[in-house]
Amino acid sequence: MPLRKNLSVALLVALPVLAGCSKLQNDINVPLPAYSSELVVECYLKPGKVPSLSVSTTVPYLSSVLPQIPTDVTVTLTMPDGTPVPLAFQPNYQALIDTVSGVKFHSHIGRTPLVARPGDVFKIDVADTKGRHVTGTTTMLAPIPIDSLNYKFNDKTGSERKAYFLTNFRDPISPDDCYRLQLHKGNPAKGALLKSPETDMSLEDRLLNGQQFVVGTSYRFRAGDTVTATLYHIDRAFYRFRQSTRDARNANGNPFAQPSAIYSNVQGGVGIFTVLSGTVKTKVVQ
């Protein structure tokens, strides 16, 4: 009986306390500061390919995630000899929603394939009717050849028998070189290079300057697979841009992650302007 009495008294005391907890809630309206939208420029020049780029605008954090494509933007690409080449507004909206092919969306595109040699300097000028103006400069780096592309199987059998790949190349003696290595699976003649790669990594020569790089994958390839390695010699600006976008994606929605700003090499806005200098090597898994 004493235990039951004490329990009843405890419940009578707790009920008013719990009821009072609802009064601790207080809704607060936080006024957001005025937001000024900026132009976002992504331009990846490739020798032999028609130059194109995407122009969008930054949006507030709580707004729609769909990109905002301005229609009043003028784009001019300046060639190494000083010739200005206008890029017409011809948005490729189909590529924007085509997640299978992996073709990158562009808003502006040129007419003729790009002629570029190592050491060539290109400039970009992007402006709209609202007074926003973005400029950038980039230099084509010398392509780095892939010395060898090899594979090795594990010791398993049946469906578990898979191979890993090793991509070998030598870093030049010059410091501060960066690379982007992609491995695609499938026939390149049938659009395999337009699909998502099996491997996509960024590398720097901070610890291996002037030495041989041997880059491996996990066991993910089978007999009969056609594997194509593409090695891009990239500048540090593009390397930092890729790292910052990766960190920003990882931090988005994570309350314990440090916010990450996007690194840009353009002035007057946000984005990247670079030349992708690449070499390719293909091997069939026997």
Protein backbone atom coordinates (compact mmCIF):
# COMPACT_ATOMS: atom_id res chain seq x y z
CA MET A 1 0.00 0.00 0.00
CA PRO A 2 2.69 2.61 0.77
CA LEU A 3 4.32 1.94 -2.62
CA ARG A 4 1.01 2.46 -4.44
CA LYS A 5 0.37 5.67 -2.49
CA ASN A 6 3.80 7.05 -3.29
CA LEU A 7 3.32 6.20 -6.98
CA SER A 8 0.00 8.06 -7.07
CA VAL A 9 1.58 11.09 -5.50
CA ALA A 10 4.42 11.00 -8.04
CA LEU A 11 1.99 10.90 -10.94
CA LEU A 12 -0.01 13.81 -9.54
CA VAL A 13 3.18 15.85 -9.25
CA ALA A 14 4.46 14.91 -12.73
CA LEU A 15 1.26 15.72 -14.62
CA PRO A 16 1.37 19.50 -14.01
CA VAL A 17 5.06 19.51 -14.91
CA LEU A 18 4.43 17.73 -18.23
CA ALA A 19 1.51 19.98 -18.97
CA GLY A 20 3.69 23.00 -18.38
CA CYS A 21 6.27 21.78 -20.94
CA SER A 22 3.98 22.83 -23.78
CA LYS A 23 4.45 26.42 -22.64
CA LEU A 24 8.20 26.13 -23.31
CA GLN A 25 7.60 26.08 -27.08
CA ASN A 26 7.97 29.46 -28.71
CA ASP A 27 7.77 30.00 -32.46
CA ILE A 28 10.27 32.55 -33.77
CA ASN A 29 10.22 34.12 -37.21
CA VAL A 30 13.77 34.75 -38.39
CA PRO A 31 13.95 37.42 -41.10
CA LEU A 32 16.25 36.35 -43.93
CA PRO A 33 18.64 38.90 -45.41
CA ALA A 34 18.15 40.14 -48.95
CA TYR A 35 19.76 37.78 -51.44
CA SER A 36 21.72 38.97 -54.48
CA SER A 37 21.87 36.37 -57.25
CA GLU A 38 25.17 35.77 -59.08
CA LEU A 39 25.98 34.21 -62.44
CA VAL A 40 27.30 30.65 -62.36
CA VAL A 41 29.60 29.69 -65.24
CA GLU A 42 30.92 26.21 -66.06
CA CYS A 43 33.10 25.91 -69.16
CA TYR A 44 35.23 22.87 -70.00
CA LEU A 45 37.06 23.39 -73.28
CA LYS A 46 38.21 20.28 -75.15
CA PRO A 47 40.52 20.30 -78.19
CA GLY A 48 38.65 19.03 -81.23
CA LYS A 49 35.22 19.64 -79.66
CA VAL A 50 32.84 22.54 -80.27
CA PRO A 51 33.20 24.91 -77.29
CA SER A 52 30.18 25.19 -75.02
CA LEU A 53 29.36 26.29 -71.50
CA SER A 54 26.49 26.50 -69.06
CA VAL A 55 25.33 29.73 -67.47
CA SER A 56 22.89 29.67 -64.58
CA THR A 57 22.33 31.75 -61.45
CA THR A 58 22.77 31.15 -57.76
CA VAL A 59 19.58 30.80 -55.73
CA PRO A 60 18.76 31.11 -52.00
CA TYR A 61 19.35 27.99 -49.92
CA LEU A 62 15.65 27.40 -49.23
CA SER A 63 14.48 27.94 -52.80
CA SER A 64 13.83 25.37 -55.54
CA VAL A 65 16.80 23.18 -56.48
CA LEU A 66 16.05 23.54 -60.19
CA PRO A 67 18.69 25.66 -61.94
CA GLN A 68 17.70 29.11 -63.12
CA ILE A 69 18.78 29.64 -66.75
CA PRO A 70 18.98 33.35 -67.70
CA THR A 71 18.08 34.14 -71.30
CA ASP A 72 19.71 37.56 -71.58
CA VAL A 73 23.37 36.47 -71.35
CA THR A 74 26.03 37.26 -73.97
CA VAL A 75 29.10 34.98 -74.08
CA THR A 76 32.38 35.62 -75.90
CA LEU A 77 35.32 33.22 -76.03
CA THR A 78 38.64 34.87 -76.91
CA MET A 79 41.11 32.66 -78.76
CA PRO A 80 44.90 32.65 -78.17
CA ASP A 81 45.45 34.97 -81.15
CA GLY A 82 42.95 37.49 -79.75
CA THR A 83 40.04 36.56 -82.04
CA PRO A 84 36.67 36.90 -80.26
CA VAL A 85 34.27 34.00 -80.87
CA PRO A 86 30.64 34.55 -79.79
CA LEU A 87 28.84 31.55 -78.33
CA ALA A 88 25.16 31.49 -79.24
CA PHE A 89 22.37 30.91 -76.73
CA GLN A 90 21.16 27.41 -77.65
CA PRO A 91 20.22 25.65 -74.40
CA ASN A 92 20.34 21.87 -74.48
CA TYR A 93 17.46 21.21 -72.10
CA GLN A 94 17.24 17.54 -73.05
CA ALA A 95 20.72 16.88 -71.68
CA LEU A 96 19.77 18.60 -68.44
CA ILE A 97 17.24 15.86 -67.59
CA ASP A 98 18.99 12.93 -69.29
CA THR A 99 20.55 11.13 -66.34
CA VAL A 100 21.32 8.01 -68.38
CA SER A 101 23.63 9.47 -71.01
CA GLY A 102 25.42 11.79 -68.58
CA VAL A 103 25.73 14.49 -71.27
CA LYS A 104 26.31 17.81 -69.55
CA PHE A 105 23.78 20.59 -70.02
CA HIS A 106 24.93 23.66 -71.91
CA SER A 107 23.26 27.02 -72.46
CA HIS A 108 25.67 28.48 -75.05
CA ILE A 109 27.63 26.79 -77.83
CA GLY A 110 29.98 27.71 -80.67
CA ARG A 111 29.99 26.59 -84.30
CA THR A 112 33.36 25.00 -85.03
CA PRO A 113 35.61 22.56 -83.12
CA LEU A 114 38.23 24.09 -80.88
CA VAL A 115 41.86 24.16 -82.02
CA ALA A 116 44.15 24.23 -78.99
CA ARG A 117 47.77 23.46 -78.25
CA PRO A 118 49.66 23.24 -74.94
CA GLY A 119 50.42 26.72 -73.68
CA ASP A 120 47.48 28.39 -75.46
CA VAL A 121 45.66 30.96 -73.32
CA PHE A 122 41.88 31.39 -73.60
CA LYS A 123 39.60 34.03 -72.11
CA ILE A 124 35.86 34.04 -71.43
CA ASP A 125 33.52 37.00 -71.06
CA VAL A 126 29.94 36.51 -69.79
CA ALA A 127 27.53 39.42 -69.26
CA ASP A 128 23.78 39.94 -68.89
CA THR A 129 21.46 42.93 -69.15
CA LYS A 130 21.29 43.29 -65.34
CA GLY A 131 24.90 44.42 -65.13
CA ARG A 132 26.37 41.11 -63.98
CA HIS A 133 29.73 40.44 -65.62
CA VAL A 134 31.96 37.34 -65.30
CA THR A 135 35.45 36.95 -66.77
CA GLY A 136 38.04 34.20 -66.68
CA THR A 137 41.36 33.05 -68.12
CA THR A 138 42.77 29.54 -68.54
CA THR A 139 45.79 27.86 -70.15
CA MET A 140 45.89 24.47 -71.87
CA LEU A 141 48.33 22.07 -70.22
CA ALA A 142 50.36 19.43 -72.04
CA PRO A 143 48.62 16.03 -72.10
CA ILE A 144 50.25 13.26 -70.05
CA PRO A 145 50.38 9.85 -71.80
CA ILE A 146 49.09 6.69 -70.12
CA ASP A 147 52.05 4.30 -70.05
CA SER A 148 50.02 1.15 -69.44
CA LEU A 149 46.57 -0.10 -68.52
CA ASN A 150 46.57 -3.55 -66.88
CA TYR A 151 44.18 -5.77 -64.94
CA LYS A 152 44.41 -8.69 -62.54
CA PHE A 153 41.73 -11.19 -61.49
CA ASN A 154 41.05 -12.35 -57.97
CA ASP A 155 41.30 -16.05 -57.09
CA LYS A 156 37.54 -16.64 -57.00
CA THR A 157 35.33 -18.48 -59.48
CA GLY A 158 31.95 -18.07 -61.15
CA SER A 159 30.08 -14.80 -60.68
CA GLU A 160 32.55 -13.69 -57.97
CA ARG A 161 35.52 -13.77 -60.34
CA LYS A 162 36.35 -10.11 -61.02
CA ALA A 163 39.38 -8.02 -61.97
CA TYR A 164 40.86 -4.74 -60.82
CA PHE A 165 42.64 -2.26 -63.11
CA LEU A 166 45.95 -0.44 -62.74
CA THR A 167 46.57 2.78 -64.67
CA ASN A 168 50.23 3.79 -64.95
CA PHE A 169 51.61 7.20 -65.97
CA ARG A 170 54.62 9.35 -65.11
CA ASP A 171 54.26 12.77 -63.54
CA PRO A 172 56.49 15.51 -65.02
CA ILE A 173 59.20 17.10 -62.90
CA SER A 174 57.30 20.39 -62.65
CA PRO A 175 55.49 20.73 -59.30
CA ASP A 176 51.81 21.29 -58.59
CA ASP A 177 50.43 19.02 -61.33
CA CYS A 178 46.89 17.67 -60.91
CA TYR A 179 44.91 14.98 -62.71
CA ARG A 180 41.45 13.60 -63.19
CA LEU A 181 41.25 9.89 -64.02
CA GLN A 182 38.07 8.25 -65.32
CA LEU A 183 37.47 4.59 -66.19
CA HIS A 184 34.44 3.80 -68.33
CA LYS A 185 33.06 0.35 -69.05
CA GLY A 186 31.61 -0.43 -72.49
CA ASN A 187 32.29 0.16 -76.14
CA PRO A 188 33.50 3.75 -76.74
CA ALA A 189 32.11 3.63 -80.29
CA LYS A 190 28.63 3.09 -78.83
CA GLY A 191 28.66 6.01 -76.43
CA ALA A 192 30.21 4.35 -73.38
CA LEU A 193 32.20 7.51 -72.58
CA LEU A 194 28.96 9.49 -72.24
CA LYS A 195 27.73 7.31 -69.37
CA SER A 196 28.69 7.56 -65.72
CA PRO A 197 32.24 6.27 -65.19
CA GLU A 198 33.07 3.27 -63.04
CA THR A 199 35.89 5.32 -61.50
CA ASP A 200 36.26 9.10 -61.30
CA MET A 201 39.04 10.41 -59.08
CA SER A 202 41.18 13.51 -58.60
CA LEU A 203 44.92 13.24 -58.02
CA GLU A 204 47.78 15.62 -57.22
CA ASP A 205 51.56 15.16 -57.31
CA ARG A 206 52.28 16.72 -53.92
CA LEU A 207 53.89 13.47 -52.69
CA LEU A 208 54.84 11.94 -56.05
CA ASN A 209 56.27 14.86 -58.00
CA GLY A 210 58.25 13.57 -60.98
CA GLN A 211 57.52 9.94 -60.11
CA GLN A 212 55.45 7.08 -61.52
CA PHE A 213 51.74 7.02 -60.65
CA VAL A 214 50.07 3.62 -60.29
CA VAL A 215 46.34 4.10 -59.70
CA GLY A 216 44.19 1.06 -58.89
CA THR A 217 40.50 0.27 -58.68
CA SER A 218 38.49 -2.25 -56.70
CA TYR A 219 37.46 -5.64 -58.10
CA ARG A 220 34.58 -4.56 -60.36
CA PHE A 221 35.34 -5.73 -63.92
CA ARG A 222 34.50 -9.06 -65.55
CA ALA A 223 35.79 -11.06 -68.49
CA GLY A 224 34.61 -9.50 -71.75
CA ASP A 225 34.42 -5.94 -70.39
CA THR A 226 35.88 -3.14 -72.50
CA VAL A 227 37.52 -0.60 -70.18
CA THR A 228 38.64 2.87 -71.30
CA ALA A 229 40.88 5.03 -69.12
CA THR A 230 40.87 8.79 -69.70
CA LEU A 231 43.59 10.80 -67.99
CA TYR A 232 43.08 14.58 -67.86
CA HIS A 233 45.98 16.85 -66.99
CA ILE A 234 44.16 19.61 -65.11
CA ASP A 235 45.21 22.86 -63.44
CA ARG A 236 45.02 23.30 -59.68
CA ALA A 237 42.02 25.60 -60.02
CA PHE A 238 39.92 22.79 -61.48
CA TYR A 239 41.27 20.37 -58.85
CA ARG A 240 40.24 22.73 -56.05
CA PHE A 241 36.85 23.33 -57.71
CA ARG A 242 36.13 19.58 -57.78
CA GLN A 243 37.22 19.14 -54.18
CA SER A 244 35.09 22.07 -52.99
CA THR A 245 31.95 20.88 -54.81
CA ARG A 246 32.40 17.41 -53.33
CA ASP A 247 32.79 18.86 -49.82
CA ALA A 248 29.75 21.08 -50.33
CA ARG A 249 27.61 18.10 -51.38
CA ASN A 250 28.76 16.10 -48.35
CA ALA A 251 28.04 18.99 -45.99
CA ASN A 252 24.60 19.75 -47.41
CA GLY A 253 21.94 18.70 -44.91
CA ASN A 254 24.51 17.43 -42.39
CA PRO A 255 24.21 19.41 -39.13
CA PHE A 256 27.62 18.15 -37.97
CA ALA A 257 29.57 19.04 -41.13
CA GLN A 258 31.52 22.22 -41.68
CA PRO A 259 29.94 24.38 -44.43
CA SER A 260 32.06 24.42 -47.58
CA ALA A 261 32.33 27.28 -50.05
CA ILE A 262 32.70 26.61 -53.78
CA TYR A 263 36.14 27.52 -55.10
CA SER A 264 36.02 29.51 -58.34
CA ASN A 265 38.61 30.70 -60.84
CA VAL A 266 36.30 33.24 -62.51
CA GLN A 267 35.89 36.87 -61.50
CA GLY A 268 32.51 38.52 -60.92
CA GLY A 269 30.59 35.31 -60.29
CA VAL A 270 30.91 31.63 -59.39
CA GLY A 271 32.26 28.76 -61.46
CA ILE A 272 35.11 27.20 -63.38
CA PHE A 273 36.77 27.89 -66.73
CA THR A 274 39.35 25.33 -67.81
CA VAL A 275 40.76 23.24 -70.67
CA LEU A 276 40.54 19.44 -70.39
CA SER A 277 43.75 18.06 -71.85
CA GLY A 278 43.31 14.30 -71.98
CA THR A 279 44.78 11.02 -73.21
CA VAL A 280 42.85 7.76 -73.66
CA LYS A 281 43.76 4.08 -73.50
CA THR A 282 41.38 1.11 -73.95
CA LYS A 283 41.75 -2.54 -72.95
CA VAL A 284 39.46 -5.57 -73.22
CA VAL A 285 39.36 -7.98 -70.29
CA GLN A 286 40.16 -11.44 -71.68
